[in-house]
Amino acid sequence: MKWFNLSAIFKEIGKIRWPKKDDLLNNSVQVLVFTFAFALFFFACQFLISLFLKTIGVL
């Protein structure tokens, strides 16, 4: 395994593109907004299904 040595590992680590602060903040905000939107969607689905089931007398 000639690729498995410290110099090769450090060479590969040097190729990593770490995100800049602005990119990291932007991506984090996008993830939070997307998660919040999905939470609202599932809450609305649960509410509407529950309302429908109560209307037809199942619950």
C-alpha atoms as a PDB file:
ATOM      1  CA  MET A   1       0.000   0.000   0.000  1.00  0.00           C
ATOM      2  CA  LYS A   2       2.239   2.766  -1.205  1.00  0.00           C
ATOM      3  CA  TRP A   3      -0.520   5.386  -1.085  1.00  0.00           C
ATOM      4  CA  PHE A   4      -0.933   4.825   2.640  1.00  0.00           C
ATOM      5  CA  ASN A   5       1.860   6.926   4.094  1.00  0.00           C
ATOM      6  CA  LEU A   6       1.980  10.210   5.970  1.00  0.00           C
ATOM      7  CA  SER A   7       3.217  12.336   3.073  1.00  0.00           C
ATOM      8  CA  ALA A   8       0.373  11.123   0.838  1.00  0.00           C
ATOM      9  CA  ILE A   9      -2.165  11.740   3.577  1.00  0.00           C
ATOM     10  CA  PHE A  10      -0.939  15.301   4.162  1.00  0.00           C
ATOM     11  CA  LYS A  11      -0.921  15.897   0.406  1.00  0.00           C
ATOM     12  CA  GLU A  12      -4.582  14.845   0.197  1.00  0.00           C
ATOM     13  CA  ILE A  13      -5.490  16.992   3.222  1.00  0.00           C
ATOM     14  CA  GLY A  14      -3.930  19.954   1.417  1.00  0.00           C
ATOM     15  CA  LYS A  15      -6.354  19.419  -1.485  1.00  0.00           C
ATOM     16  CA  ILE A  16      -9.409  19.884   0.722  1.00  0.00           C
ATOM     17  CA  ARG A  17     -11.356  23.074   0.001  1.00  0.00           C
ATOM     18  CA  TRP A  18     -12.633  24.262   3.340  1.00  0.00           C
ATOM     19  CA  PRO A  19     -15.753  26.475   3.163  1.00  0.00           C
ATOM     20  CA  LYS A  20     -15.400  30.168   3.778  1.00  0.00           C
ATOM     21  CA  LYS A  21     -17.316  31.773   6.640  1.00  0.00           C
ATOM     22  CA  ASP A  22     -19.899  33.363   4.313  1.00  0.00           C
ATOM     23  CA  ASP A  23     -20.502  30.073   2.473  1.00  0.00           C
ATOM     24  CA  LEU A  24     -20.894  28.216   5.735  1.00  0.00           C
ATOM     25  CA  LEU A  25     -23.377  30.780   7.078  1.00  0.00           C
ATOM     26  CA  ASN A  26     -25.365  30.772   3.832  1.00  0.00           C
ATOM     27  CA  ASN A  27     -25.567  26.964   3.732  1.00  0.00           C
ATOM     28  CA  SER A  28     -26.542  26.786   7.405  1.00  0.00           C
ATOM     29  CA  VAL A  29     -29.381  29.272   6.898  1.00  0.00           C
ATOM     30  CA  GLN A  30     -30.602  27.323   3.862  1.00  0.00           C
ATOM     31  CA  VAL A  31     -30.660  24.084   5.864  1.00  0.00           C
ATOM     32  CA  LEU A  32     -32.582  25.713   8.734  1.00  0.00           C
ATOM     33  CA  VAL A  33     -35.157  27.298   6.385  1.00  0.00           C
ATOM     34  CA  PHE A  34     -35.613  24.020   4.501  1.00  0.00           C
ATOM     35  CA  THR A  35     -36.039  22.089   7.755  1.00  0.00           C
ATOM     36  CA  PHE A  36     -38.555  24.632   9.064  1.00  0.00           C
ATOM     37  CA  ALA A  37     -40.525  24.454   5.782  1.00  0.00           C
ATOM     38  CA  PHE A  38     -40.681  20.653   5.988  1.00  0.00           C
ATOM     39  CA  ALA A  39     -41.784  20.849   9.619  1.00  0.00           C
ATOM     40  CA  LEU A  40     -44.627  23.202   8.645  1.00  0.00           C
ATOM     41  CA  PHE A  41     -45.592  20.936   5.753  1.00  0.00           C
ATOM     42  CA  PHE A  42     -45.800  17.819   7.934  1.00  0.00           C
ATOM     43  CA  PHE A  43     -47.652  19.701  10.672  1.00  0.00           C
ATOM     44  CA  ALA A  44     -50.192  20.944   8.113  1.00  0.00           C
ATOM     45  CA  CYS A  45     -50.613  17.429   6.672  1.00  0.00           C
ATOM     46  CA  GLN A  46     -51.181  15.961  10.128  1.00  0.00           C
ATOM     47  CA  PHE A  47     -53.655  18.709  10.999  1.00  0.00           C
ATOM     48  CA  LEU A  48     -55.643  18.295   7.774  1.00  0.00           C
ATOM     49  CA  ILE A  49     -55.777  14.499   8.035  1.00  0.00           C
ATOM     50  CA  SER A  50     -56.865  14.742  11.667  1.00  0.00           C
ATOM     51  CA  LEU A  51     -59.524  17.295  10.758  1.00  0.00           C
ATOM     52  CA  PHE A  52     -60.767  15.068   7.927  1.00  0.00           C
ATOM     53  CA  LEU A  53     -60.938  11.998  10.174  1.00  0.00           C
ATOM     54  CA  LYS A  54     -62.824  13.935  12.865  1.00  0.00           C
ATOM     55  CA  THR A  55     -65.244  15.222  10.207  1.00  0.00           C
ATOM     56  CA  ILE A  56     -66.122  11.739   8.976  1.00  0.00           C
ATOM     57  CA  GLY A  57     -66.378  10.454  12.544  1.00  0.00           C
ATOM     58  CA  VAL A  58     -63.402   8.109  12.713  1.00  0.00           C
ATOM     59  CA  LEU A  59     -61.677   9.952  15.569  1.00  0.00           C
END
